[in-house]
Structure formats: structure tokens, C-alpha cells
Full PDB file with SEQRES, HELIX, SHEET, SSBOND, CRYST1, ORIGX, SCALE, CONECT and MASTER records, all heavy atoms in Angstrom:
SEQRES   1 A   44  CYS ALA ALA SER GLY PHE THR PHE ASP GLY TYR ALA ILE          
SEQRES   2 A   44  GLY TRP PHE ARG GLN ALA PRO GLY LYS GLU ARG GLU GLY          
SEQRES   3 A   44  VAL SER CYS ILE SER THR SER ASP GLY ASP THR TYR TYR          
SEQRES   4 A   44  THR ASP SER VAL LYS                                          
HELIX    1 AA1 ASP A   41  VAL A   43  5                                   3    
SHEET    1 AA1 3 ALA A  12  ARG A  17  0                                        
SHEET    2 AA1 3 GLU A  25  SER A  31 -1                                        
SHEET    3 AA1 3 THR A  37  TYR A  39 -1                                        
CRYST1    1.000    1.000    1.000  90.00  90.00  90.00 P 1           1          
ORIGX1      1.000000  0.000000  0.000000        0.00000                         
ORIGX2      0.000000  1.000000  0.000000        0.00000                         
ORIGX3      0.000000  0.000000  1.000000        0.00000                         
SCALE1      1.000000  0.000000  0.000000        0.00000                         
SCALE2      0.000000  1.000000  0.000000        0.00000                         
SCALE3      0.000000  0.000000  1.000000        0.00000                         
ATOM      1  N   CYS A   1     105.046  38.791 218.214  1.00  0.00           N  
ATOM      2  CA  CYS A   1     104.252  39.692 219.048  1.00  0.00           C  
ATOM      3  C   CYS A   1     103.190  38.852 219.723  1.00  0.00           C  
ATOM      4  O   CYS A   1     102.274  38.354 219.061  1.00  0.00           O  
ATOM      5  CB  CYS A   1     103.627  40.797 218.195  1.00  0.00           C  
ATOM      6  SG  CYS A   1     102.482  41.874 219.085  1.00  0.00           S  
ATOM      7  N   ALA A   2     103.306  38.697 221.025  1.00  0.00           N  
ATOM      8  CA  ALA A   2     102.385  37.875 221.790  1.00  0.00           C  
ATOM      9  C   ALA A   2     101.471  38.745 222.638  1.00  0.00           C  
ATOM     10  O   ALA A   2     101.932  39.658 223.331  1.00  0.00           O  
ATOM     11  CB  ALA A   2     103.153  36.906 222.688  1.00  0.00           C  
ATOM     12  N   ALA A   3     100.182  38.471 222.582  1.00  0.00           N  
ATOM     13  CA  ALA A   3      99.201  39.213 223.361  1.00  0.00           C  
ATOM     14  C   ALA A   3      98.936  38.519 224.681  1.00  0.00           C  
ATOM     15  O   ALA A   3      98.861  37.286 224.759  1.00  0.00           O  
ATOM     16  CB  ALA A   3      97.904  39.360 222.590  1.00  0.00           C  
ATOM     17  N   SER A   4      98.787  39.313 225.724  1.00  0.00           N  
ATOM     18  CA  SER A   4      98.440  38.816 227.046  1.00  0.00           C  
ATOM     19  C   SER A   4      97.272  39.634 227.578  1.00  0.00           C  
ATOM     20  O   SER A   4      97.311  40.860 227.549  1.00  0.00           O  
ATOM     21  CB  SER A   4      99.636  38.925 227.996  1.00  0.00           C  
ATOM     22  OG  SER A   4      99.300  38.496 229.300  1.00  0.00           O  
ATOM     23  N   GLY A   5      96.239  38.960 228.049  1.00  0.00           N  
ATOM     24  CA  GLY A   5      95.092  39.643 228.616  1.00  0.00           C  
ATOM     25  C   GLY A   5      93.980  39.947 227.632  1.00  0.00           C  
ATOM     26  O   GLY A   5      92.935  40.461 228.045  1.00  0.00           O  
ATOM     27  N   PHE A   6      94.187  39.657 226.374  1.00  0.00           N  
ATOM     28  CA  PHE A   6      93.160  39.798 225.362  1.00  0.00           C  
ATOM     29  C   PHE A   6      93.493  38.866 224.212  1.00  0.00           C  
ATOM     30  O   PHE A   6      94.610  38.340 224.130  1.00  0.00           O  
ATOM     31  CB  PHE A   6      93.010  41.254 224.883  1.00  0.00           C  
ATOM     32  CG  PHE A   6      94.139  41.745 224.022  1.00  0.00           C  
ATOM     33  CD1 PHE A   6      94.002  41.831 222.642  1.00  0.00           C  
ATOM     34  CD2 PHE A   6      95.337  42.138 224.591  1.00  0.00           C  
ATOM     35  CE1 PHE A   6      95.036  42.296 221.849  1.00  0.00           C  
ATOM     36  CE2 PHE A   6      96.387  42.602 223.811  1.00  0.00           C  
ATOM     37  CZ  PHE A   6      96.230  42.681 222.437  1.00  0.00           C  
ATOM     38  N   THR A   7      92.543  38.669 223.330  1.00  0.00           N  
ATOM     39  CA  THR A   7      92.754  37.833 222.159  1.00  0.00           C  
ATOM     40  C   THR A   7      92.820  38.709 220.918  1.00  0.00           C  
ATOM     41  O   THR A   7      92.141  39.736 220.820  1.00  0.00           O  
ATOM     42  CB  THR A   7      91.637  36.795 221.993  1.00  0.00           C  
ATOM     43  OG1 THR A   7      90.376  37.452 221.903  1.00  0.00           O  
ATOM     44  CG2 THR A   7      91.620  35.838 223.176  1.00  0.00           C  
ATOM     45  N   PHE A   8      93.651  38.297 219.972  1.00  0.00           N  
ATOM     46  CA  PHE A   8      93.846  39.072 218.754  1.00  0.00           C  
ATOM     47  C   PHE A   8      92.608  39.131 217.873  1.00  0.00           C  
ATOM     48  O   PHE A   8      92.482  40.067 217.067  1.00  0.00           O  
ATOM     49  CB  PHE A   8      95.008  38.498 217.956  1.00  0.00           C  
ATOM     50  CG  PHE A   8      96.357  38.945 218.420  1.00  0.00           C  
ATOM     51  CD1 PHE A   8      97.478  38.178 218.116  1.00  0.00           C  
ATOM     52  CD2 PHE A   8      96.533  40.101 219.139  1.00  0.00           C  
ATOM     53  CE1 PHE A   8      98.739  38.567 218.530  1.00  0.00           C  
ATOM     54  CE2 PHE A   8      97.779  40.508 219.565  1.00  0.00           C  
ATOM     55  CZ  PHE A   8      98.888  39.732 219.252  1.00  0.00           C  
ATOM     56  N   ASP A   9      91.739  38.165 217.988  1.00  0.00           N  
ATOM     57  CA  ASP A   9      90.539  38.144 217.157  1.00  0.00           C  
ATOM     58  C   ASP A   9      89.763  39.443 217.312  1.00  0.00           C  
ATOM     59  O   ASP A   9      89.417  39.848 218.424  1.00  0.00           O  
ATOM     60  CB  ASP A   9      89.665  36.949 217.529  1.00  0.00           C  
ATOM     61  CG  ASP A   9      88.483  36.772 216.594  1.00  0.00           C  
ATOM     62  OD1 ASP A   9      88.624  37.075 215.393  1.00  0.00           O  
ATOM     63  OD2 ASP A   9      87.423  36.319 217.064  1.00  0.00           O  
ATOM     64  N   GLY A  10      89.504  40.104 216.194  1.00  0.00           N  
ATOM     65  CA  GLY A  10      88.805  41.380 216.211  1.00  0.00           C  
ATOM     66  C   GLY A  10      89.713  42.591 216.269  1.00  0.00           C  
ATOM     67  O   GLY A  10      89.222  43.727 216.317  1.00  0.00           O  
ATOM     68  N   TYR A  11      91.012  42.371 216.270  1.00  0.00           N  
ATOM     69  CA  TYR A  11      91.989  43.449 216.313  1.00  0.00           C  
ATOM     70  C   TYR A  11      92.768  43.535 215.006  1.00  0.00           C  
ATOM     71  O   TYR A  11      92.925  42.544 214.286  1.00  0.00           O  
ATOM     72  CB  TYR A  11      92.985  43.232 217.451  1.00  0.00           C  
ATOM     73  CG  TYR A  11      92.470  43.589 218.818  1.00  0.00           C  
ATOM     74  CD1 TYR A  11      91.609  42.751 219.498  1.00  0.00           C  
ATOM     75  CD2 TYR A  11      92.875  44.775 219.433  1.00  0.00           C  
ATOM     76  CE1 TYR A  11      91.144  43.085 220.760  1.00  0.00           C  
ATOM     77  CE2 TYR A  11      92.416  45.104 220.692  1.00  0.00           C  
ATOM     78  CZ  TYR A  11      91.555  44.262 221.353  1.00  0.00           C  
ATOM     79  OH  TYR A  11      91.100  44.583 222.606  1.00  0.00           O  
ATOM     80  N   ALA A  12      93.239  44.726 214.718  1.00  0.00           N  
ATOM     81  CA  ALA A  12      94.287  44.916 213.736  1.00  0.00           C  
ATOM     82  C   ALA A  12      95.615  44.923 214.476  1.00  0.00           C  
ATOM     83  O   ALA A  12      95.762  45.617 215.488  1.00  0.00           O  
ATOM     84  CB  ALA A  12      94.097  46.222 212.967  1.00  0.00           C  
ATOM     85  N   ILE A  13      96.559  44.145 213.983  1.00  0.00           N  
ATOM     86  CA  ILE A  13      97.860  43.997 214.626  1.00  0.00           C  
ATOM     87  C   ILE A  13      98.931  44.414 213.633  1.00  0.00           C  
ATOM     88  O   ILE A  13      98.909  43.994 212.476  1.00  0.00           O  
ATOM     89  CB  ILE A  13      98.121  42.550 215.085  1.00  0.00           C  
ATOM     90  CG1 ILE A  13      96.907  41.977 215.831  1.00  0.00           C  
ATOM     91  CG2 ILE A  13      99.385  42.492 215.941  1.00  0.00           C  
ATOM     92  CD1 ILE A  13      96.604  42.667 217.142  1.00  0.00           C  
ATOM     93  N   GLY A  14      99.887  45.211 214.081  1.00  0.00           N  
ATOM     94  CA  GLY A  14     100.902  45.668 213.153  1.00  0.00           C  
ATOM     95  C   GLY A  14     102.237  45.921 213.801  1.00  0.00           C  
ATOM     96  O   GLY A  14     102.411  45.805 215.020  1.00  0.00           O  
ATOM     97  N   TRP A  15     103.179  46.256 212.935  1.00  0.00           N  
ATOM     98  CA  TRP A  15     104.545  46.549 213.340  1.00  0.00           C  
ATOM     99  C   TRP A  15     104.951  47.928 212.869  1.00  0.00           C  
ATOM    100  O   TRP A  15     104.689  48.310 211.716  1.00  0.00           O  
ATOM    101  CB  TRP A  15     105.515  45.515 212.753  1.00  0.00           C  
ATOM    102  CG  TRP A  15     105.338  44.135 213.304  1.00  0.00           C  
ATOM    103  CD1 TRP A  15     104.542  43.156 212.815  1.00  0.00           C  
ATOM    104  CD2 TRP A  15     105.996  43.599 214.454  1.00  0.00           C  
ATOM    105  NE1 TRP A  15     104.652  42.028 213.590  1.00  0.00           N  
ATOM    106  CE2 TRP A  15     105.537  42.271 214.595  1.00  0.00           C  
ATOM    107  CE3 TRP A  15     106.923  44.100 215.364  1.00  0.00           C  
ATOM    108  CZ2 TRP A  15     105.982  41.444 215.632  1.00  0.00           C  
ATOM    109  CZ3 TRP A  15     107.357  43.274 216.386  1.00  0.00           C  
ATOM    110  CH2 TRP A  15     106.891  41.972 216.506  1.00  0.00           C  
ATOM    111  N   PHE A  16     105.584  48.671 213.751  1.00  0.00           N  
ATOM    112  CA  PHE A  16     106.210  49.944 213.447  1.00  0.00           C  
ATOM    113  C   PHE A  16     107.704  49.821 213.694  1.00  0.00           C  
ATOM    114  O   PHE A  16     108.162  48.927 214.407  1.00  0.00           O  
ATOM    115  CB  PHE A  16     105.648  51.061 214.334  1.00  0.00           C  
ATOM    116  CG  PHE A  16     104.190  51.356 214.130  1.00  0.00           C  
ATOM    117  CD1 PHE A  16     103.217  50.542 214.689  1.00  0.00           C  
ATOM    118  CD2 PHE A  16     103.790  52.460 213.391  1.00  0.00           C  
ATOM    119  CE1 PHE A  16     101.873  50.814 214.517  1.00  0.00           C  
ATOM    120  CE2 PHE A  16     102.442  52.749 213.213  1.00  0.00           C  
ATOM    121  CZ  PHE A  16     101.491  51.921 213.775  1.00  0.00           C  
ATOM    122  N   ARG A  17     108.454  50.741 213.126  1.00  0.00           N  
ATOM    123  CA  ARG A  17     109.873  50.802 213.435  1.00  0.00           C  
ATOM    124  C   ARG A  17     110.313  52.251 213.505  1.00  0.00           C  
ATOM    125  O   ARG A  17     109.732  53.134 212.882  1.00  0.00           O  
ATOM    126  CB  ARG A  17     110.714  50.034 212.416  1.00  0.00           C  
ATOM    127  CG  ARG A  17     110.702  50.618 211.005  1.00  0.00           C  
ATOM    128  CD  ARG A  17     111.449  49.689 210.053  1.00  0.00           C  
ATOM    129  NE  ARG A  17     111.481  50.206 208.689  1.00  0.00           N  
ATOM    130  CZ  ARG A  17     111.962  49.539 207.651  1.00  0.00           C  
ATOM    131  NH1 ARG A  17     112.467  48.321 207.823  1.00  0.00           N  
ATOM    132  NH2 ARG A  17     111.952  50.093 206.444  1.00  0.00           N  
ATOM    133  N   GLN A  18     111.357  52.479 214.291  1.00  0.00           N  
ATOM    134  CA  GLN A  18     111.910  53.812 214.416  1.00  0.00           C  
ATOM    135  C   GLN A  18     113.423  53.711 214.522  1.00  0.00           C  
ATOM    136  O   GLN A  18     113.953  53.050 215.415  1.00  0.00           O  
ATOM    137  CB  GLN A  18     111.351  54.552 215.627  1.00  0.00           C  
ATOM    138  CG  GLN A  18     111.762  56.013 215.680  1.00  0.00           C  
ATOM    139  CD  GLN A  18     110.868  56.844 216.588  1.00  0.00           C  
ATOM    140  OE1 GLN A  18     110.269  56.332 217.526  1.00  0.00           O  
ATOM    141  NE2 GLN A  18     110.785  58.129 216.297  1.00  0.00           N  
ATOM    142  N   ALA A  19     114.091  54.363 213.596  1.00  0.00           N  
ATOM    143  CA  ALA A  19     115.539  54.436 213.593  1.00  0.00           C  
ATOM    144  C   ALA A  19     115.967  55.789 214.145  1.00  0.00           C  
ATOM    145  O   ALA A  19     115.218  56.769 214.057  1.00  0.00           O  
ATOM    146  CB  ALA A  19     116.085  54.239 212.187  1.00  0.00           C  
ATOM    147  N   PRO A  20     117.172  55.876 214.708  1.00  0.00           N  
ATOM    148  CA  PRO A  20     117.641  57.157 215.240  1.00  0.00           C  
ATOM    149  C   PRO A  20     117.599  58.254 214.188  1.00  0.00           C  
ATOM    150  O   PRO A  20     118.060  58.073 213.058  1.00  0.00           O  
ATOM    151  CB  PRO A  20     119.076  56.856 215.670  1.00  0.00           C  
ATOM    152  CG  PRO A  20     119.081  55.387 215.952  1.00  0.00           C  
ATOM    153  CD  PRO A  20     118.147  54.803 214.939  1.00  0.00           C  
ATOM    154  N   GLY A  21     117.026  59.392 214.548  1.00  0.00           N  
ATOM    155  CA  GLY A  21     116.959  60.522 213.648  1.00  0.00           C  
ATOM    156  C   GLY A  21     115.878  60.448 212.598  1.00  0.00           C  
ATOM    157  O   GLY A  21     115.792  61.348 211.756  1.00  0.00           O  
ATOM    158  N   LYS A  22     115.070  59.401 212.625  1.00  0.00           N  
ATOM    159  CA  LYS A  22     114.010  59.244 211.641  1.00  0.00           C  
ATOM    160  C   LYS A  22     112.655  59.134 212.328  1.00  0.00           C  
ATOM    161  O   LYS A  22     112.560  58.765 213.497  1.00  0.00           O  
ATOM    162  CB  LYS A  22     114.253  58.005 210.777  1.00  0.00           C  
ATOM    163  CG  LYS A  22     115.519  58.066 209.946  1.00  0.00           C  
ATOM    164  CD  LYS A  22     115.653  56.838 209.065  1.00  0.00           C  
ATOM    165  CE  LYS A  22     116.902  56.904 208.217  1.00  0.00           C  
ATOM    166  NZ  LYS A  22     117.041  55.688 207.359  1.00  0.00           N  
ATOM    167  N   GLU A  23     111.624  59.453 211.582  1.00  0.00           N  
ATOM    168  CA  GLU A  23     110.279  59.362 212.122  1.00  0.00           C  
ATOM    169  C   GLU A  23     109.840  57.907 212.219  1.00  0.00           C  
ATOM    170  O   GLU A  23     110.362  57.032 211.532  1.00  0.00           O  
ATOM    171  CB  GLU A  23     109.299  60.157 211.248  1.00  0.00           C  
ATOM    172  CG  GLU A  23     109.095  59.575 209.852  1.00  0.00           C  
ATOM    173  CD  GLU A  23     110.116  60.053 208.843  1.00  0.00           C  
ATOM    174  OE1 GLU A  23     111.120  60.659 209.248  1.00  0.00           O  
ATOM    175  OE2 GLU A  23     109.901  59.823 207.639  1.00  0.00           O  
ATOM    176  N   ARG A  24     108.876  57.668 213.091  1.00  0.00           N  
ATOM    177  CA  ARG A  24     108.323  56.334 213.213  1.00  0.00           C  
ATOM    178  C   ARG A  24     107.595  55.960 211.928  1.00  0.00           C  
ATOM    179  O   ARG A  24     106.895  56.782 211.326  1.00  0.00           O  
ATOM    180  CB  ARG A  24     107.374  56.280 214.410  1.00  0.00           C  
ATOM    181  CG  ARG A  24     106.747  54.920 214.660  1.00  0.00           C  
ATOM    182  CD  ARG A  24     105.918  54.939 215.933  1.00  0.00           C  
ATOM    183  NE  ARG A  24     106.762  55.102 217.108  1.00  0.00           N  
ATOM    184  CZ  ARG A  24     106.299  55.399 218.317  1.00  0.00           C  
ATOM    185  NH1 ARG A  24     104.999  55.575 218.506  1.00  0.00           N  
ATOM    186  NH2 ARG A  24     107.144  55.527 219.337  1.00  0.00           N  
ATOM    187  N   GLU A  25     107.761  54.725 211.517  1.00  0.00           N  
ATOM    188  CA  GLU A  25     107.232  54.252 210.248  1.00  0.00           C  
ATOM    189  C   GLU A  25     106.391  53.003 210.460  1.00  0.00           C  
ATOM    190  O   GLU A  25     106.828  52.059 211.122  1.00  0.00           O  
ATOM    191  CB  GLU A  25     108.382  53.946 209.284  1.00  0.00           C  
ATOM    192  CG  GLU A  25     107.954  53.345 207.955  1.00  0.00           C  
ATOM    193  CD  GLU A  25     109.128  52.902 207.106  1.00  0.00           C  
ATOM    194  OE1 GLU A  25     110.196  52.592 207.682  1.00  0.00           O  
ATOM    195  OE2 GLU A  25     108.989  52.877 205.872  1.00  0.00           O  
ATOM    196  N   GLY A  26     105.207  52.989 209.885  1.00  0.00           N  
ATOM    197  CA  GLY A  26     104.403  51.782 209.884  1.00  0.00           C  
ATOM    198  C   GLY A  26     104.951  50.792 208.875  1.00  0.00           C  
ATOM    199  O   GLY A  26     105.048  51.100 207.687  1.00  0.00           O  
ATOM    200  N   VAL A  27     105.306  49.601 209.328  1.00  0.00           N  
ATOM    201  CA  VAL A  27     105.964  48.607 208.489  1.00  0.00           C  
ATOM    202  C   VAL A  27     104.974  47.626 207.884  1.00  0.00           C  
ATOM    203  O   VAL A  27     105.007  47.339 206.680  1.00  0.00           O  
ATOM    204  CB  VAL A  27     107.040  47.847 209.286  1.00  0.00           C  
ATOM    205  CG1 VAL A  27     107.667  46.744 208.439  1.00  0.00           C  
ATOM    206  CG2 VAL A  27     108.102  48.811 209.795  1.00  0.00           C  
ATOM    207  N   SER A  28     104.100  47.094 208.712  1.00  0.00           N  
ATOM    208  CA  SER A  28     103.197  46.045 208.265  1.00  0.00           C  
ATOM    209  C   SER A  28     102.015  45.952 209.209  1.00  0.00           C  
ATOM    210  O   SER A  28     102.097  46.355 210.377  1.00  0.00           O  
ATOM    211  CB  SER A  28     103.938  44.705 208.201  1.00  0.00           C  
ATOM    212  OG  SER A  28     103.116  43.685 207.650  1.00  0.00           O  
ATOM    213  N   CYS A  29     100.918  45.401 208.707  1.00  0.00           N  
ATOM    214  CA  CYS A  29      99.707  45.250 209.510  1.00  0.00           C  
ATOM    215  C   CYS A  29      98.909  44.081 208.968  1.00  0.00           C  
ATOM    216  O   CYS A  29      98.953  43.789 207.762  1.00  0.00           O  
ATOM    217  CB  CYS A  29      98.876  46.539 209.473  1.00  0.00           C  
ATOM    218  SG  CYS A  29      97.387  46.518 210.500  1.00  0.00           S  
ATOM    219  N   ILE A  30      98.184  43.426 209.864  1.00  0.00           N  
ATOM    220  CA  ILE A  30      97.292  42.347 209.459  1.00  0.00           C  
ATOM    221  C   ILE A  30      95.941  42.537 210.136  1.00  0.00           C  
ATOM    222  O   ILE A  30      95.869  42.873 211.319  1.00  0.00           O  
ATOM    223  CB  ILE A  30      97.898  40.962 209.774  1.00  0.00           C  
ATOM    224  CG1 ILE A  30      97.010  39.853 209.212  1.00  0.00           C  
ATOM    225  CG2 ILE A  30      98.133  40.785 211.270  1.00  0.00           C  
ATOM    226  CD1 ILE A  30      97.692  38.488 209.192  1.00  0.00           C  
ATOM    227  N   SER A  31      94.892  42.340 209.363  1.00  0.00           N  
ATOM    228  CA  SER A  31      93.530  42.383 209.878  1.00  0.00           C  
ATOM    229  C   SER A  31      93.111  40.985 210.290  1.00  0.00           C  
ATOM    230  O   SER A  31      93.195  40.045 209.491  1.00  0.00           O  
ATOM    231  CB  SER A  31      92.576  42.922 208.811  1.00  0.00           C  
ATOM    232  OG  SER A  31      91.229  42.682 209.167  1.00  0.00           O  
ATOM    233  N   THR A  32      92.655  40.836 211.527  1.00  0.00           N  
ATOM    234  CA  THR A  32      92.210  39.522 211.985  1.00  0.00           C  
ATOM    235  C   THR A  32      90.803  39.191 211.521  1.00  0.00           C  
ATOM    236  O   THR A  32      90.355  38.059 211.689  1.00  0.00           O  
ATOM    237  CB  THR A  32      92.282  39.415 213.512  1.00  0.00           C  
ATOM    238  OG1 THR A  32      91.442  40.408 214.108  1.00  0.00           O  
ATOM    239  CG2 THR A  32      93.715  39.595 213.993  1.00  0.00           C  
ATOM    240  N   SER A  33      90.083  40.159 210.946  1.00  0.00           N  
ATOM    241  CA  SER A  33      88.733  39.904 210.467  1.00  0.00           C  
ATOM    242  C   SER A  33      88.722  39.247 209.095  1.00  0.00           C  
ATOM    243  O   SER A  33      87.916  38.350 208.843  1.00  0.00           O  
ATOM    244  CB  SER A  33      87.923  41.195 210.431  1.00  0.00           C  
ATOM    245  OG  SER A  33      88.444  42.109 209.487  1.00  0.00           O  
ATOM    246  N   ASP A  34      89.601  39.678 208.195  1.00  0.00           N  
ATOM    247  CA  ASP A  34      89.610  39.122 206.847  1.00  0.00           C  
ATOM    248  C   ASP A  34      90.985  38.674 206.376  1.00  0.00           C  
ATOM    249  O   ASP A  34      91.112  38.157 205.265  1.00  0.00           O  
ATOM    250  CB  ASP A  34      89.011  40.108 205.842  1.00  0.00           C  
ATOM    251  CG  ASP A  34      89.724  41.443 205.802  1.00  0.00           C  
ATOM    252  OD1 ASP A  34      90.857  41.547 206.317  1.00  0.00           O  
ATOM    253  OD2 ASP A  34      89.147  42.402 205.253  1.00  0.00           O  
ATOM    254  N   GLY A  35      92.014  38.877 207.179  1.00  0.00           N  
ATOM    255  CA  GLY A  35      93.351  38.446 206.824  1.00  0.00           C  
ATOM    256  C   GLY A  35      94.101  39.373 205.897  1.00  0.00           C  
ATOM    257  O   GLY A  35      95.236  39.059 205.512  1.00  0.00           O  
ATOM    258  N   ASP A  36      93.512  40.488 205.521  1.00  0.00           N  
ATOM    259  CA  ASP A  36      94.200  41.437 204.659  1.00  0.00           C  
ATOM    260  C   ASP A  36      95.472  41.940 205.325  1.00  0.00           C  
ATOM    261  O   ASP A  36      95.522  42.119 206.547  1.00  0.00           O  
ATOM    262  CB  ASP A  36      93.304  42.626 204.324  1.00  0.00           C  
ATOM    263  CG  ASP A  36      92.283  42.312 203.249  1.00  0.00           C  
ATOM    264  OD1 ASP A  36      92.349  41.216 202.658  1.00  0.00           O  
ATOM    265  OD2 ASP A  36      91.418  43.165 202.998  1.00  0.00           O  
ATOM    266  N   THR A  37      96.485  42.161 204.512  1.00  0.00           N  
ATOM    267  CA  THR A  37      97.770  42.617 205.017  1.00  0.00           C  
ATOM    268  C   THR A  37      98.205  43.890 204.319  1.00  0.00           C  
ATOM    269  O   THR A  37      97.766  44.200 203.202  1.00  0.00           O  
ATOM    270  CB  THR A  37      98.853  41.545 204.840  1.00  0.00           C  
ATOM    271  OG1 THR A  37      98.953  41.189 203.454  1.00  0.00           O  
ATOM    272  CG2 THR A  37      98.519  40.308 205.651  1.00  0.00           C  
ATOM    273  N   TYR A  38      99.077  44.610 204.993  1.00  0.00           N  
ATOM    274  CA  TYR A  38      99.653  45.839 204.466  1.00  0.00           C  
ATOM    275  C   TYR A  38     101.154  45.802 204.699  1.00  0.00           C  
ATOM    276  O   TYR A  38     101.619  45.339 205.755  1.00  0.00           O  
ATOM    277  CB  TYR A  38      99.048  47.069 205.164  1.00  0.00           C  
ATOM    278  CG  TYR A  38      99.919  48.299 205.078  1.00  0.00           C  
ATOM    279  CD1 TYR A  38      99.900  49.115 203.963  1.00  0.00           C  
ATOM    280  CD2 TYR A  38     100.784  48.625 206.119  1.00  0.00           C  
ATOM    281  CE1 TYR A  38     100.712  50.232 203.868  1.00  0.00           C  
ATOM    282  CE2 TYR A  38     101.603  49.732 206.046  1.00  0.00           C  
ATOM    283  CZ  TYR A  38     101.569  50.539 204.917  1.00  0.00           C  
ATOM    284  OH  TYR A  38     102.374  51.640 204.833  1.00  0.00           O  
ATOM    285  N   TYR A  39     101.905  46.312 203.723  1.00  0.00           N  
ATOM    286  CA  TYR A  39     103.344  46.465 203.855  1.00  0.00           C  
ATOM    287  C   TYR A  39     103.757  47.809 203.290  1.00  0.00           C  
ATOM    288  O   TYR A  39     103.270  48.224 202.225  1.00  0.00           O  
ATOM    289  CB  TYR A  39     104.106  45.376 203.097  1.00  0.00           C  
ATOM    290  CG  TYR A  39     103.763  43.970 203.516  1.00  0.00           C  
ATOM    291  CD1 TYR A  39     102.778  43.248 202.841  1.00  0.00           C  
ATOM    292  CD2 TYR A  39     104.423  43.366 204.573  1.00  0.00           C  
ATOM    293  CE1 TYR A  39     102.458  41.956 203.226  1.00  0.00           C  
ATOM    294  CE2 TYR A  39     104.117  42.075 204.962  1.00  0.00           C  
ATOM    295  CZ  TYR A  39     103.127  41.373 204.281  1.00  0.00           C  
ATOM    296  OH  TYR A  39     102.823  40.085 204.665  1.00  0.00           O  
ATOM    297  N   THR A  40     104.659  48.477 203.970  1.00  0.00           N  
ATOM    298  CA  THR A  40     105.229  49.673 203.390  1.00  0.00           C  
ATOM    299  C   THR A  40     106.102  49.276 202.200  1.00  0.00           C  
ATOM    300  O   THR A  40     106.644  48.163 202.141  1.00  0.00           O  
ATOM    301  CB  THR A  40     106.025  50.458 204.449  1.00  0.00           C  
ATOM    302  OG1 THR A  40     106.318  51.765 203.958  1.00  0.00           O  
ATOM    303  CG2 THR A  40     107.312  49.754 204.812  1.00  0.00           C  
ATOM    304  N   ASP A  41     106.219  50.168 201.233  1.00  0.00           N  
ATOM    305  CA  ASP A  41     106.854  49.819 199.967  1.00  0.00           C  
ATOM    306  C   ASP A  41     108.266  49.271 200.135  1.00  0.00           C  
ATOM    307  O   ASP A  41     108.687  48.373 199.400  1.00  0.00           O  
ATOM    308  CB  ASP A  41     106.889  51.033 199.038  1.00  0.00           C  
ATOM    309  CG  ASP A  41     105.539  51.370 198.441  1.00  0.00           C  
ATOM    310  OD1 ASP A  41     104.632  50.518 198.491  1.00  0.00           O  
ATOM    311  OD2 ASP A  41     105.392  52.484 197.908  1.00  0.00           O  
ATOM    312  N   SER A  42     109.002  49.785 201.087  1.00  0.00           N  
ATOM    313  CA  SER A  42     110.400  49.414 201.222  1.00  0.00           C  
ATOM    314  C   SER A  42     110.612  47.972 201.677  1.00  0.00           C  
ATOM    315  O   SER A  42     111.726  47.455 201.562  1.00  0.00           O  
ATOM    316  CB  SER A  42     111.111  50.364 202.189  1.00  0.00           C  
ATOM    317  OG  SER A  42     110.567  50.274 203.491  1.00  0.00           O  
ATOM    318  N   VAL A  43     109.569  47.306 202.183  1.00  0.00           N  
ATOM    319  CA  VAL A  43     109.731  45.937 202.665  1.00  0.00           C  
ATOM    320  C   VAL A  43     108.937  44.928 201.851  1.00  0.00           C  
ATOM    321  O   VAL A  43     109.035  43.721 202.111  1.00  0.00           O  
ATOM    322  CB  VAL A  43     109.343  45.805 204.157  1.00  0.00           C  
ATOM    323  CG1 VAL A  43     110.082  46.842 204.991  1.00  0.00           C  
ATOM    324  CG2 VAL A  43     107.841  45.922 204.357  1.00  0.00           C  
ATOM    325  N   LYS A  44     108.178  45.376 200.878  1.00  0.00           N  
ATOM    326  CA  LYS A  44     107.380  44.457 200.064  1.00  0.00           C  
ATOM    327  C   LYS A  44     108.283  43.445 199.361  1.00  0.00           C  
ATOM    328  O   LYS A  44     109.314  43.798 198.797  1.00  0.00           O  
ATOM    329  CB  LYS A  44     106.562  45.230 199.034  1.00  0.00           C  
ATOM    330  CG  LYS A  44     105.394  45.986 199.628  1.00  0.00           C  
ATOM    331  CD  LYS A  44     104.606  46.739 198.559  1.00  0.00           C  
ATOM    332  CE  LYS A  44     103.422  47.472 199.162  1.00  0.00           C  
ATOM    333  NZ  LYS A  44     102.682  48.263 198.149  1.00  0.00           N  
TER     334      LYS A  44                                                      
MASTER        0    0    0    1    3    0    0    6  333    1    0    4          
END                                                                             
């Protein structure tokens, strides 16, 4: 995931996914302030 026109510093950046017939799901996220990460249980 490449940013254009802004810098990631100070942002939370994450990934979602959506499969046909299913709701959108938050997969993972990273905080640029402290490096903390999040993962949904199915991908840990």
C-alpha cells in the first residue's frame, strides 16, 4: 500500500477485505505513532 500526496507518519494504516456475499472485514492495522498492530483472529 503506497501513499501519494501525504506521508504515513501520524496515520493509522490498515487492510480490509471483502469476499462475495460477505461483509467487509478489517484484517490488519498498524499505528505509525507507536507501531502497535492489530490482526483479526482468522489471520493471526
